C-alpha atoms as a PDB file:
ATOM      1  CA  MET A   1     -24.778   2.512   5.643  1.00  0.00           C
ATOM      2  CA  ARG A   2     -22.003   5.513   5.069  1.00  0.00           C
ATOM      3  CA  ASP A   3     -23.355   8.885   5.085  1.00  0.00           C
ATOM      4  CA  ARG A   4     -22.967  10.045   1.705  1.00  0.00           C
ATOM      5  CA  LEU A   5     -21.785  13.532   2.254  1.00  0.00           C
ATOM      6  CA  VAL A   6     -18.612  11.933   4.038  1.00  0.00           C
ATOM      7  CA  SER A   7     -15.749  10.996   1.476  1.00  0.00           C
ATOM      8  CA  ARG A   8     -14.895   7.081   1.610  1.00  0.00           C
ATOM      9  CA  GLY A   9     -11.407   8.166   2.883  1.00  0.00           C
ATOM     10  CA  GLU A  10     -13.236   9.965   5.345  1.00  0.00           C
ATOM     11  CA  ASP A  11     -15.414   7.367   6.619  1.00  0.00           C
ATOM     12  CA  ILE A  12     -12.391   5.155   7.023  1.00  0.00           C
ATOM     13  CA  HIS A  13     -10.173   7.740   9.119  1.00  0.00           C
ATOM     14  CA  ARG A  14     -13.679   8.168  11.518  1.00  0.00           C
ATOM     15  CA  ARG A  15     -13.774   4.743  11.883  1.00  0.00           C
ATOM     16  CA  LEU A  16     -10.276   4.311  12.438  1.00  0.00           C
ATOM     17  CA  GLU A  17     -10.264   7.011  14.751  1.00  0.00           C
ATOM     18  CA  ALA A  18     -13.247   5.263  16.881  1.00  0.00           C
ATOM     19  CA  GLY A  19     -11.163   1.966  17.222  1.00  0.00           C
ATOM     20  CA  ALA A  20     -12.516  -0.179  14.617  1.00  0.00           C
ATOM     21  CA  VAL A  21     -10.714  -2.890  12.664  1.00  0.00           C
ATOM     22  CA  VAL A  22     -10.604  -2.099   8.998  1.00  0.00           C
ATOM     23  CA  VAL A  23      -9.484  -4.957   6.489  1.00  0.00           C
ATOM     24  CA  LEU A  24      -7.302  -4.323   3.407  1.00  0.00           C
ATOM     25  CA  ASP A  25      -6.565  -5.924   0.637  1.00  0.00           C
ATOM     26  CA  GLY A  26      -3.647  -8.948  -0.209  1.00  0.00           C
ATOM     27  CA  GLY A  27      -0.691  -8.184  -2.462  1.00  0.00           C
ATOM     28  CA  VAL A  28      -1.948  -6.748  -6.017  1.00  0.00           C
ATOM     29  CA  GLY A  29       1.426  -6.747  -8.270  1.00  0.00           C
ATOM     30  CA  THR A  30       2.474  -9.930  -6.889  1.00  0.00           C
ATOM     31  CA  GLU A  31      -1.203 -11.406  -7.759  1.00  0.00           C
ATOM     32  CA  ILE A  32      -1.063  -9.703 -11.190  1.00  0.00           C
ATOM     33  CA  GLN A  33       2.138 -11.787 -11.667  1.00  0.00           C
ATOM     34  CA  ALA A  34       0.717 -14.986 -10.514  1.00  0.00           C
ATOM     35  CA  ARG A  35      -1.704 -14.833 -12.942  1.00  0.00           C
ATOM     36  CA  GLY A  36       0.394 -14.987 -15.347  1.00  0.00           C
ATOM     37  CA  VAL A  37       0.932 -11.351 -16.586  1.00  0.00           C
ATOM     38  CA  PRO A  38       4.612 -10.742 -17.365  1.00  0.00           C
ATOM     39  CA  MET A  39       6.547  -8.123 -15.489  1.00  0.00           C
ATOM     40  CA  ASP A  40       8.691  -5.348 -16.914  1.00  0.00           C
ATOM     41  CA  GLY A  41      12.271  -4.949 -15.626  1.00  0.00           C
ATOM     42  CA  GLU A  42      11.535  -1.035 -14.636  1.00  0.00           C
ATOM     43  CA  ALA A  43       7.935  -1.005 -13.846  1.00  0.00           C
ATOM     44  CA  TRP A  44       6.921  -3.962 -12.980  1.00  0.00           C
ATOM     45  CA  SER A  45       3.067  -4.423 -13.021  1.00  0.00           C
ATOM     46  CA  ALA A  46       2.196  -0.791 -14.444  1.00  0.00           C
ATOM     47  CA  LEU A  47       1.528  -1.949 -17.729  1.00  0.00           C
ATOM     48  CA  ALA A  48      -0.566  -4.352 -16.963  1.00  0.00           C
ATOM     49  CA  ASN A  49      -3.375  -1.759 -16.236  1.00  0.00           C
ATOM     50  CA  ILE A  50      -3.405  -1.019 -19.850  1.00  0.00           C
ATOM     51  CA  THR A  51      -2.303  -4.277 -21.581  1.00  0.00           C
ATOM     52  CA  HIS A  52      -4.506  -6.494 -18.925  1.00  0.00           C
ATOM     53  CA  ALA A  53      -7.186  -4.205 -18.194  1.00  0.00           C
ATOM     54  CA  ASP A  54      -9.650  -7.255 -17.385  1.00  0.00           C
ATOM     55  CA  ILE A  55      -7.138  -9.518 -15.212  1.00  0.00           C
ATOM     56  CA  VAL A  56      -6.204  -5.866 -12.966  1.00  0.00           C
ATOM     57  CA  ARG A  57      -9.889  -5.418 -12.153  1.00  0.00           C
ATOM     58  CA  ALA A  58     -10.678  -9.161 -11.543  1.00  0.00           C
ATOM     59  CA  VAL A  59      -7.875  -9.046  -8.660  1.00  0.00           C
ATOM     60  CA  HIS A  60      -9.598  -6.179  -7.010  1.00  0.00           C
ATOM     61  CA  GLU A  61     -12.948  -7.921  -7.625  1.00  0.00           C
ATOM     62  CA  ASP A  62     -11.356 -11.032  -5.550  1.00  0.00           C
ATOM     63  CA  TYR A  63     -10.188  -8.908  -2.511  1.00  0.00           C
ATOM     64  CA  ILE A  64     -13.408  -7.101  -2.340  1.00  0.00           C
ATOM     65  CA  ARG A  65     -15.320 -10.094  -2.480  1.00  0.00           C
ATOM     66  CA  ALA A  66     -13.022 -11.754   0.400  1.00  0.00           C
ATOM     67  CA  GLY A  67     -13.785  -8.895   2.420  1.00  0.00           C
ATOM     68  CA  ALA A  68     -11.530  -6.250   1.581  1.00  0.00           C
ATOM     69  CA  GLU A  69     -12.822  -2.689   2.643  1.00  0.00           C
ATOM     70  CA  VAL A  70      -9.584  -0.627   1.324  1.00  0.00           C
ATOM     71  CA  VAL A  71      -8.132  -1.742  -2.036  1.00  0.00           C
ATOM     72  CA  ILE A  72      -4.915  -0.069  -3.104  1.00  0.00           C
ATOM     73  CA  ALA A  73      -4.964   0.597  -6.885  1.00  0.00           C
ATOM     74  CA  ASN A  74      -2.272  -0.846  -8.785  1.00  0.00           C
ATOM     75  CA  THR A  75      -0.107   2.510  -8.803  1.00  0.00           C
ATOM     76  CA  PHE A  76       2.288   1.205  -6.606  1.00  0.00           C
ATOM     77  CA  PRO A  77       5.417   0.888  -9.751  1.00  0.00           C
ATOM     78  CA  ALA A  78       3.328   3.534 -11.689  1.00  0.00           C
ATOM     79  CA  GLY A  79       5.160   6.305 -10.379  1.00  0.00           C
ATOM     80  CA  ALA A  80       7.527   9.072 -12.967  1.00  0.00           C
ATOM     81  CA  GLY A  81      10.576   7.379 -12.352  1.00  0.00           C
ATOM     82  CA  ALA A  82       9.943   4.094 -13.105  1.00  0.00           C
ATOM     83  CA  LEU A  83       7.739   4.908 -16.263  1.00  0.00           C
ATOM     84  CA  ALA A  84      10.670   7.202 -16.947  1.00  0.00           C
ATOM     85  CA  ALA A  85      13.231   4.076 -16.917  1.00  0.00           C
ATOM     86  CA  ALA A  86      10.523   1.898 -18.946  1.00  0.00           C
ATOM     87  CA  GLY A  87      10.169   4.775 -21.311  1.00  0.00           C
ATOM     88  CA  ILE A  88       6.262   5.458 -21.191  1.00  0.00           C
ATOM     89  CA  GLU A  89       6.352   8.408 -19.003  1.00  0.00           C
ATOM     90  CA  GLU A  90       4.415  10.535 -21.262  1.00  0.00           C
ATOM     91  CA  ARG A  91       1.538   7.968 -20.045  1.00  0.00           C
ATOM     92  CA  LEU A  92       1.568   8.387 -16.511  1.00  0.00           C
ATOM     93  CA  VAL A  93      -1.716   9.791 -16.514  1.00  0.00           C
ATOM     94  CA  GLU A  94      -3.399   7.253 -18.395  1.00  0.00           C
ATOM     95  CA  ILE A  95      -1.840   4.405 -16.314  1.00  0.00           C
ATOM     96  CA  ASN A  96      -2.778   5.851 -13.039  1.00  0.00           C
ATOM     97  CA  GLY A  97      -5.788   6.843 -14.088  1.00  0.00           C
ATOM     98  CA  ALA A  98      -6.491   3.249 -15.750  1.00  0.00           C
ATOM     99  CA  ALA A  99      -5.607   1.547 -12.551  1.00  0.00           C
ATOM    100  CA  VAL A 100      -7.808   3.502 -10.437  1.00  0.00           C
ATOM    101  CA  ALA A 101     -10.497   3.359 -12.971  1.00  0.00           C
ATOM    102  CA  LEU A 102     -10.363  -0.512 -12.489  1.00  0.00           C
ATOM    103  CA  ALA A 103     -10.514  -0.799  -9.031  1.00  0.00           C
ATOM    104  CA  GLN A 104     -13.376   1.854  -8.850  1.00  0.00           C
ATOM    105  CA  GLU A 105     -15.096  -0.751 -11.602  1.00  0.00           C
ATOM    106  CA  ALA A 106     -14.287  -3.569  -9.668  1.00  0.00           C
ATOM    107  CA  ARG A 107     -16.039  -1.719  -6.447  1.00  0.00           C
ATOM    108  CA  GLU A 108     -19.278  -1.438  -8.767  1.00  0.00           C
ATOM    109  CA  ARG A 109     -19.100  -4.757 -10.385  1.00  0.00           C
ATOM    110  CA  THR A 110     -19.271  -6.229  -6.664  1.00  0.00           C
ATOM    111  CA  ARG A 111     -22.077  -4.148  -5.452  1.00  0.00           C
ATOM    112  CA  GLU A 112     -19.987  -2.838  -2.639  1.00  0.00           C
ATOM    113  CA  PRO A 113     -20.263   0.978  -2.602  1.00  0.00           C
ATOM    114  CA  ASP A 114     -18.441   1.879   0.599  1.00  0.00           C
ATOM    115  CA  VAL A 115     -15.107  -0.171  -0.316  1.00  0.00           C
ATOM    116  CA  ALA A 116     -12.621   2.525  -0.446  1.00  0.00           C
ATOM    117  CA  VAL A 117      -9.985   3.219  -3.428  1.00  0.00           C
ATOM    118  CA  ALA A 118      -6.469   3.986  -2.478  1.00  0.00           C
ATOM    119  CA  GLY A 119      -3.763   5.586  -4.609  1.00  0.00           C
ATOM    120  CA  SER A 120      -0.567   4.308  -3.680  1.00  0.00           C
ATOM    121  CA  LEU A 121       2.811   6.325  -4.283  1.00  0.00           C
ATOM    122  CA  SER A 122       6.352   4.546  -3.680  1.00  0.00           C
ATOM    123  CA  GLU A 123      10.274   5.416  -4.151  1.00  0.00           C
ATOM    124  CA  LEU A 124       9.197   4.310  -7.938  1.00  0.00           C
ATOM    125  CA  ALA A 125       8.026   7.823  -8.207  1.00  0.00           C
ATOM    126  CA  LEU A 126      11.837   8.565  -8.203  1.00  0.00           C
ATOM    127  CA  SER A 127      13.681   5.730 -10.188  1.00  0.00           C
ATOM    128  CA  GLY A 128      13.079   2.209 -12.071  1.00  0.00           C
ATOM    129  CA  LEU A 129      13.953  -0.950 -10.472  1.00  0.00           C
ATOM    130  CA  ILE A 130      17.173  -1.130 -11.895  1.00  0.00           C
ATOM    131  CA  THR A 131      17.399   2.600 -13.749  1.00  0.00           C
ATOM    132  CA  GLY A 132      18.513   5.791 -11.188  1.00  0.00           C
ATOM    133  CA  GLY A 133      16.820   8.632 -10.607  1.00  0.00           C
ATOM    134  CA  ASP A 134      16.240  11.972 -12.780  1.00  0.00           C
ATOM    135  CA  ASP A 135      18.371  14.404 -10.696  1.00  0.00           C
ATOM    136  CA  SER A 136      16.836  17.083 -12.708  1.00  0.00           C
ATOM    137  CA  ARG A 137      13.458  16.641 -11.186  1.00  0.00           C
ATOM    138  CA  SER A 138      12.971  17.088  -7.690  1.00  0.00           C
ATOM    139  CA  ALA A 139      11.709  14.446  -5.634  1.00  0.00           C
ATOM    140  CA  VAL A 140       8.447  16.702  -4.519  1.00  0.00           C
ATOM    141  CA  ASP A 141       8.022  17.211  -8.256  1.00  0.00           C
ATOM    142  CA  ALA A 142       8.277  13.316  -8.829  1.00  0.00           C
ATOM    143  CA  PHE A 143       5.569  12.581  -6.344  1.00  0.00           C
ATOM    144  CA  ARG A 144       3.499  15.605  -7.377  1.00  0.00           C
ATOM    145  CA  VAL A 145       2.475  14.287 -10.671  1.00  0.00           C
ATOM    146  CA  GLN A 146       1.598  10.977  -9.610  1.00  0.00           C
ATOM    147  CA  ALA A 147      -0.199  12.164  -6.379  1.00  0.00           C
ATOM    148  CA  GLN A 148      -2.349  15.212  -8.672  1.00  0.00           C
ATOM    149  CA  ALA A 149      -2.845  12.240 -11.436  1.00  0.00           C
ATOM    150  CA  LEU A 150      -4.134   9.841  -8.707  1.00  0.00           C
ATOM    151  CA  ALA A 151      -6.345  12.737  -6.944  1.00  0.00           C
ATOM    152  CA  ALA A 152      -8.043  13.996 -10.185  1.00  0.00           C
ATOM    153  CA  ALA A 153      -8.972   9.923 -10.913  1.00  0.00           C
ATOM    154  CA  GLY A 154     -10.974  10.304  -7.719  1.00  0.00           C
ATOM    155  CA  VAL A 155      -8.899   8.152  -5.069  1.00  0.00           C
ATOM    156  CA  ASP A 156     -10.163   8.051  -1.571  1.00  0.00           C
ATOM    157  CA  LEU A 157      -7.122   8.110  -0.058  1.00  0.00           C
ATOM    158  CA  LEU A 158      -3.151   7.876  -0.804  1.00  0.00           C
ATOM    159  CA  VAL A 159      -0.995   5.600   0.781  1.00  0.00           C
ATOM    160  CA  LEU A 160       3.001   6.271   0.864  1.00  0.00           C
ATOM    161  CA  GLU A 161       4.235   2.735   0.257  1.00  0.00           C
ATOM    162  CA  MET A 162       7.784   1.283   1.058  1.00  0.00           C
ATOM    163  CA  MET A 163       8.795   4.327   2.749  1.00  0.00           C
ATOM    164  CA  ARG A 164      12.356   3.565   3.394  1.00  0.00           C
ATOM    165  CA  SER A 165      14.427   6.922   4.588  1.00  0.00           C
ATOM    166  CA  GLU A 166      13.235  10.486   5.301  1.00  0.00           C
ATOM    167  CA  ALA A 167      14.598  11.604   1.449  1.00  0.00           C
ATOM    168  CA  VAL A 168      11.720   9.686   0.196  1.00  0.00           C
ATOM    169  CA  ALA A 169       9.176   9.742   2.885  1.00  0.00           C
ATOM    170  CA  ASP A 170       9.422  13.674   3.393  1.00  0.00           C
ATOM    171  CA  PRO A 171       8.773  14.865  -0.425  1.00  0.00           C
ATOM    172  CA  ALA A 172       6.417  11.775  -0.815  1.00  0.00           C
ATOM    173  CA  LEU A 173       4.438  13.215   2.356  1.00  0.00           C
ATOM    174  CA  ARG A 174       4.819  17.251   1.024  1.00  0.00           C
ATOM    175  CA  ALA A 175       3.402  16.324  -2.219  1.00  0.00           C
ATOM    176  CA  ALA A 176       0.602  13.856  -0.987  1.00  0.00           C
ATOM    177  CA  ALA A 177      -0.656  16.811   1.698  1.00  0.00           C
ATOM    178  CA  GLU A 178      -1.165  19.028  -1.326  1.00  0.00           C
ATOM    179  CA  THR A 179      -4.177  17.417  -2.521  1.00  0.00           C
ATOM    180  CA  GLY A 180      -5.910  17.258   0.665  1.00  0.00           C
ATOM    181  CA  LEU A 181      -6.777  13.856   0.560  1.00  0.00           C
ATOM    182  CA  PRO A 182      -6.210  11.665   3.251  1.00  0.00           C
ATOM    183  CA  VAL A 183      -2.722   9.995   3.563  1.00  0.00           C
ATOM    184  CA  TRP A 184      -1.025   6.504   5.126  1.00  0.00           C
ATOM    185  CA  LEU A 185       2.499   6.460   5.422  1.00  0.00           C
ATOM    186  CA  GLY A 186       3.704   2.699   4.788  1.00  0.00           C
ATOM    187  CA  VAL A 187       6.829   2.001   6.003  1.00  0.00           C
ATOM    188  CA  SER A 188       9.131  -0.898   5.389  1.00  0.00           C
ATOM    189  CA  ILE A 189      11.257  -2.453   8.339  1.00  0.00           C
ATOM    190  CA  GLY A 190      14.300  -4.491   7.706  1.00  0.00           C
ATOM    191  CA  GLY A 191      15.330  -5.776  11.426  1.00  0.00           C
ATOM    192  CA  PHE A 192      16.472  -4.035  14.435  1.00  0.00           C
ATOM    193  CA  GLY A 193      19.208  -2.019  15.321  1.00  0.00           C
ATOM    194  CA  GLN A 194      21.585  -1.974  18.302  1.00  0.00           C
ATOM    195  CA  THR A 195      19.181  -0.206  20.907  1.00  0.00           C
ATOM    196  CA  GLY A 196      16.544  -2.678  19.530  1.00  0.00           C
ATOM    197  CA  ALA A 197      14.515  -0.099  17.709  1.00  0.00           C
ATOM    198  CA  PRO A 198      12.991  -0.793  14.014  1.00  0.00           C
ATOM    199  CA  VAL A 199      14.892  -0.001  10.990  1.00  0.00           C
ATOM    200  CA  THR A 200      14.115   0.590   7.609  1.00  0.00           C
ATOM    201  CA  LEU A 201      15.499  -1.571   4.571  1.00  0.00           C
ATOM    202  CA  ALA A 202      16.912   0.967   2.823  1.00  0.00           C
ATOM    203  CA  ASP A 203      19.755   3.055   5.032  1.00  0.00           C
ATOM    204  CA  GLY A 204      19.441   1.801   8.439  1.00  0.00           C
ATOM    205  CA  THR A 205      17.179   4.871   9.732  1.00  0.00           C
ATOM    206  CA  ASP A 206      15.263   4.672  12.742  1.00  0.00           C
ATOM    207  CA  VAL A 207      12.008   4.447  12.000  1.00  0.00           C
ATOM    208  CA  GLY A 208      11.402   6.858  14.717  1.00  0.00           C
ATOM    209  CA  ARG A 209      12.824   9.349  12.268  1.00  0.00           C
ATOM    210  CA  LEU A 210       9.808   8.528   9.700  1.00  0.00           C
ATOM    211  CA  LEU A 211       7.279   8.606  12.502  1.00  0.00           C
ATOM    212  CA  ALA A 212       8.380  12.259  13.463  1.00  0.00           C
ATOM    213  CA  LEU A 213       7.773  13.131  10.096  1.00  0.00           C
ATOM    214  CA  ALA A 214       4.662  11.812  10.019  1.00  0.00           C
ATOM    215  CA  GLN A 215       3.675  13.653  12.798  1.00  0.00           C
ATOM    216  CA  GLY A 216       0.248  16.470  11.780  1.00  0.00           C
ATOM    217  CA  ARG A 217       0.805  15.080   8.249  1.00  0.00           C
ATOM    218  CA  ALA A 218      -0.104  11.506   7.788  1.00  0.00           C
ATOM    219  CA  ASP A 219      -3.376  10.143   9.333  1.00  0.00           C
ATOM    220  CA  ALA A 220      -2.173   6.631   9.895  1.00  0.00           C
ATOM    221  CA  VAL A 221       0.950   4.675   9.768  1.00  0.00           C
ATOM    222  CA  MET A 222       1.171   0.682   8.214  1.00  0.00           C
ATOM    223  CA  ILE A 223       3.712  -1.373   8.374  1.00  0.00           C
ATOM    224  CA  MET A 224       4.497  -2.694   4.691  1.00  0.00           C
ATOM    225  CA  HIS A 225       6.494  -4.760   2.792  1.00  0.00           C
ATOM    226  CA  THR A 226       7.835  -6.203   5.597  1.00  0.00           C
ATOM    227  CA  ASP A 227       8.391  -9.732   6.896  1.00  0.00           C
ATOM    228  CA  ILE A 228       5.598 -11.189   8.786  1.00  0.00           C
ATOM    229  CA  ASP A 229       7.521 -11.994  11.723  1.00  0.00           C
ATOM    230  CA  VAL A 230       9.483  -8.780  11.626  1.00  0.00           C
ATOM    231  CA  ALA A 231       6.473  -6.846  11.709  1.00  0.00           C
ATOM    232  CA  ARG A 232       5.156  -9.121  14.461  1.00  0.00           C
ATOM    233  CA  GLN A 233       7.538  -7.873  16.462  1.00  0.00           C
ATOM    234  CA  ALA A 234       7.852  -4.292  15.469  1.00  0.00           C
ATOM    235  CA  LEU A 235       3.989  -3.184  15.893  1.00  0.00           C
ATOM    236  CA  PRO A 236       4.510  -3.129  19.789  1.00  0.00           C
ATOM    237  CA  ILE A 237       7.383  -0.725  19.407  1.00  0.00           C
ATOM    238  CA  LEU A 238       5.382   1.523  17.028  1.00  0.00           C
ATOM    239  CA  ARG A 239       2.582   1.686  18.970  1.00  0.00           C
ATOM    240  CA  ARG A 240       4.329   3.660  21.901  1.00  0.00           C
ATOM    241  CA  SER A 241       5.753   5.734  19.531  1.00  0.00           C
ATOM    242  CA  TRP A 242       2.675   6.245  17.260  1.00  0.00           C
ATOM    243  CA  THR A 243      -0.642   7.349  18.807  1.00  0.00           C
ATOM    244  CA  ALA A 244      -2.633   8.073  15.496  1.00  0.00           C
ATOM    245  CA  PRO A 245      -4.222   4.666  14.014  1.00  0.00           C
ATOM    246  CA  LEU A 246      -1.554   1.833  13.002  1.00  0.00           C
ATOM    247  CA  GLY A 247      -2.009  -0.754  10.805  1.00  0.00           C
ATOM    248  CA  ALA A 248       0.096  -3.799   9.090  1.00  0.00           C
ATOM    249  CA  TYR A 249       0.271  -5.801   5.888  1.00  0.00           C
ATOM    250  CA  PRO A 250       3.369  -7.868   5.569  1.00  0.00           C
ATOM    251  CA  HIS A 251       4.820  -9.816   2.899  1.00  0.00           C
ATOM    252  CA  VAL A 252       5.806 -13.351   2.395  1.00  0.00           C
ATOM    253  CA  GLY A 253       8.343 -14.360   0.260  1.00  0.00           C
ATOM    254  CA  GLU A 254      11.026 -12.416  -1.789  1.00  0.00           C
ATOM    255  CA  TRP A 255      11.930 -10.117  -4.331  1.00  0.00           C
ATOM    256  CA  THR A 256      14.123 -11.331  -7.396  1.00  0.00           C
ATOM    257  CA  SER A 257      14.059  -8.537 -10.253  1.00  0.00           C
ATOM    258  CA  PRO A 258      11.449  -8.342 -11.921  1.00  0.00           C
ATOM    259  CA  ASN A 259       9.539 -10.841  -9.991  1.00  0.00           C
ATOM    260  CA  TRP A 260       8.011 -11.790  -6.718  1.00  0.00           C
ATOM    261  CA  VAL A 261       9.313 -15.301  -5.704  1.00  0.00           C
ATOM    262  CA  PHE A 262       6.444 -16.652  -3.526  1.00  0.00           C
ATOM    263  CA  SER A 263       6.371 -18.611  -0.247  1.00  0.00           C
ATOM    264  CA  GLU A 264       4.279 -21.203   0.933  1.00  0.00           C
ATOM    265  CA  ILE A 265       1.656 -19.555   3.486  1.00  0.00           C
ATOM    266  CA  SER A 266      -1.809 -21.189   4.022  1.00  0.00           C
ATOM    267  CA  PRO A 267      -4.684 -18.932   4.463  1.00  0.00           C
ATOM    268  CA  GLN A 268      -5.298 -19.984   7.889  1.00  0.00           C
ATOM    269  CA  ALA A 269      -1.634 -20.119   8.991  1.00  0.00           C
ATOM    270  CA  PHE A 270      -1.552 -16.188   7.709  1.00  0.00           C
ATOM    271  CA  ALA A 271      -4.837 -15.269   9.501  1.00  0.00           C
ATOM    272  CA  GLU A 272      -3.427 -17.086  12.709  1.00  0.00           C
ATOM    273  CA  LYS A 273      -0.362 -15.092  12.377  1.00  0.00           C
ATOM    274  CA  VAL A 274      -1.642 -11.211  11.897  1.00  0.00           C
ATOM    275  CA  ALA A 275      -5.419 -11.435  13.463  1.00  0.00           C
ATOM    276  CA  PRO A 276      -4.009 -11.431  16.696  1.00  0.00           C
ATOM    277  CA  TRP A 277      -1.985  -8.412  16.239  1.00  0.00           C
ATOM    278  CA  ALA A 278      -5.526  -6.130  16.925  1.00  0.00           C
ATOM    279  CA  VAL A 279      -4.698  -7.030  20.408  1.00  0.00           C
ATOM    280  CA  ASP A 280      -1.438  -4.929  19.932  1.00  0.00           C
ATOM    281  CA  GLY A 281      -2.832  -1.806  18.191  1.00  0.00           C
ATOM    282  CA  ALA A 282      -3.401  -2.585  14.622  1.00  0.00           C
ATOM    283  CA  GLN A 283      -6.677  -1.223  13.378  1.00  0.00           C
ATOM    284  CA  ALA A 284      -5.904  -2.011   9.339  1.00  0.00           C
ATOM    285  CA  LEU A 285      -4.905  -5.437   8.634  1.00  0.00           C
ATOM    286  CA  GLY A 286      -4.321  -6.913   5.191  1.00  0.00           C
ATOM    287  CA  GLY A 287      -1.395  -8.834   3.336  1.00  0.00           C
ATOM    288  CA  CYS A 288       1.371  -7.518   0.737  1.00  0.00           C
ATOM    289  CA  CYS A 289       3.226  -9.015  -1.696  1.00  0.00           C
ATOM    290  CA  GLY A 290       2.536 -12.821  -1.515  1.00  0.00           C
ATOM    291  CA  ILE A 291      -0.922 -12.355  -0.330  1.00  0.00           C
ATOM    292  CA  GLY A 292      -3.655 -13.714  -2.098  1.00  0.00           C
ATOM    293  CA  PRO A 293      -7.615 -13.028  -1.811  1.00  0.00           C
ATOM    294  CA  ALA A 294      -7.684 -16.395  -0.049  1.00  0.00           C
ATOM    295  CA  HIS A 295      -5.604 -14.834   2.817  1.00  0.00           C
ATOM    296  CA  ILE A 296      -7.537 -11.436   3.307  1.00  0.00           C
ATOM    297  CA  ALA A 297     -10.434 -13.983   3.204  1.00  0.00           C
ATOM    298  CA  ALA A 298      -9.098 -16.179   6.337  1.00  0.00           C
ATOM    299  CA  LEU A 299      -8.093 -12.977   7.668  1.00  0.00           C
ATOM    300  CA  ARG A 300     -11.401 -11.365   7.529  1.00  0.00           C
ATOM    301  CA  ASP A 301     -13.056 -14.817   8.852  1.00  0.00           C
ATOM    302  CA  ALA A 302     -10.364 -14.567  12.219  1.00  0.00           C
ATOM    303  CA  LEU A 303     -11.221 -11.038  12.557  1.00  0.00           C
ATOM    304  CA  VAL A 304     -14.935 -11.096  13.006  1.00  0.00           C
ATOM    305  CA  ALA A 305     -14.371 -14.499  14.956  1.00  0.00           C
ATOM    306  CA  ALA A 306     -12.582 -12.288  17.573  1.00  0.00           C
ATOM    307  CA  ARG A 307     -14.922  -9.678  17.613  1.00  0.00           C
END
């Protein structure tokens, strides 16, 4: 049982530092989509927090029952830029607060008090899915308003997801650090450069540059929103450069705005691919887009069996 004087975020970090393997949830936005909720062209699944609360809560409950020890609130698409593009930026605090509350309620309803609720920030703090960002506001300010809303709502840690360039990762790290919460940096890898080094999806940045930004500013680095086979190849390379906790939650499928196009992968096949990554030093494992509760349950079972 967790020491109640230690926050859930600190408890997770202590476990990672001690070498434990932690099970994450799977894709939240794509699972909401899979359950029939229409996706917004600019803010994707963000509106579901106020229009389909029961479904969002049920998604979190199902991941917790599947064995997730960390669930990520549905705030990936709820940044200032995406909400402004959707015409509802004034509801940012409401939408982010609702997302966190739904994840917290899921934790209570499943009677799993030690599950940590993470708040997600992404490049959608700067722009919508289609519309570009507002140049009148600094990138740090755009991330700050959401980071502060998430902290006020009571998240246990912040996850900076789909970081694909220094121009996005640096202000995100700066804004997240101001909250005092544990921070995970999620990098998205598109492939490998001429030197064999992993590179990001957005501009071909060597991931090593993002790891350098994360030094002393992030408590862990995650490979996320990355093809499952690319993530497998990149993990041992990142392990050599990043000595703090490392994790991965890959995707399966592809994006056709505003929806995720699912590819078939059985829960067992997913678990067989991902569970061995713990041998390569991945301590936090789960799934991203296209991965659902059944995949996480299979992964949890495989990790338990491997101990």
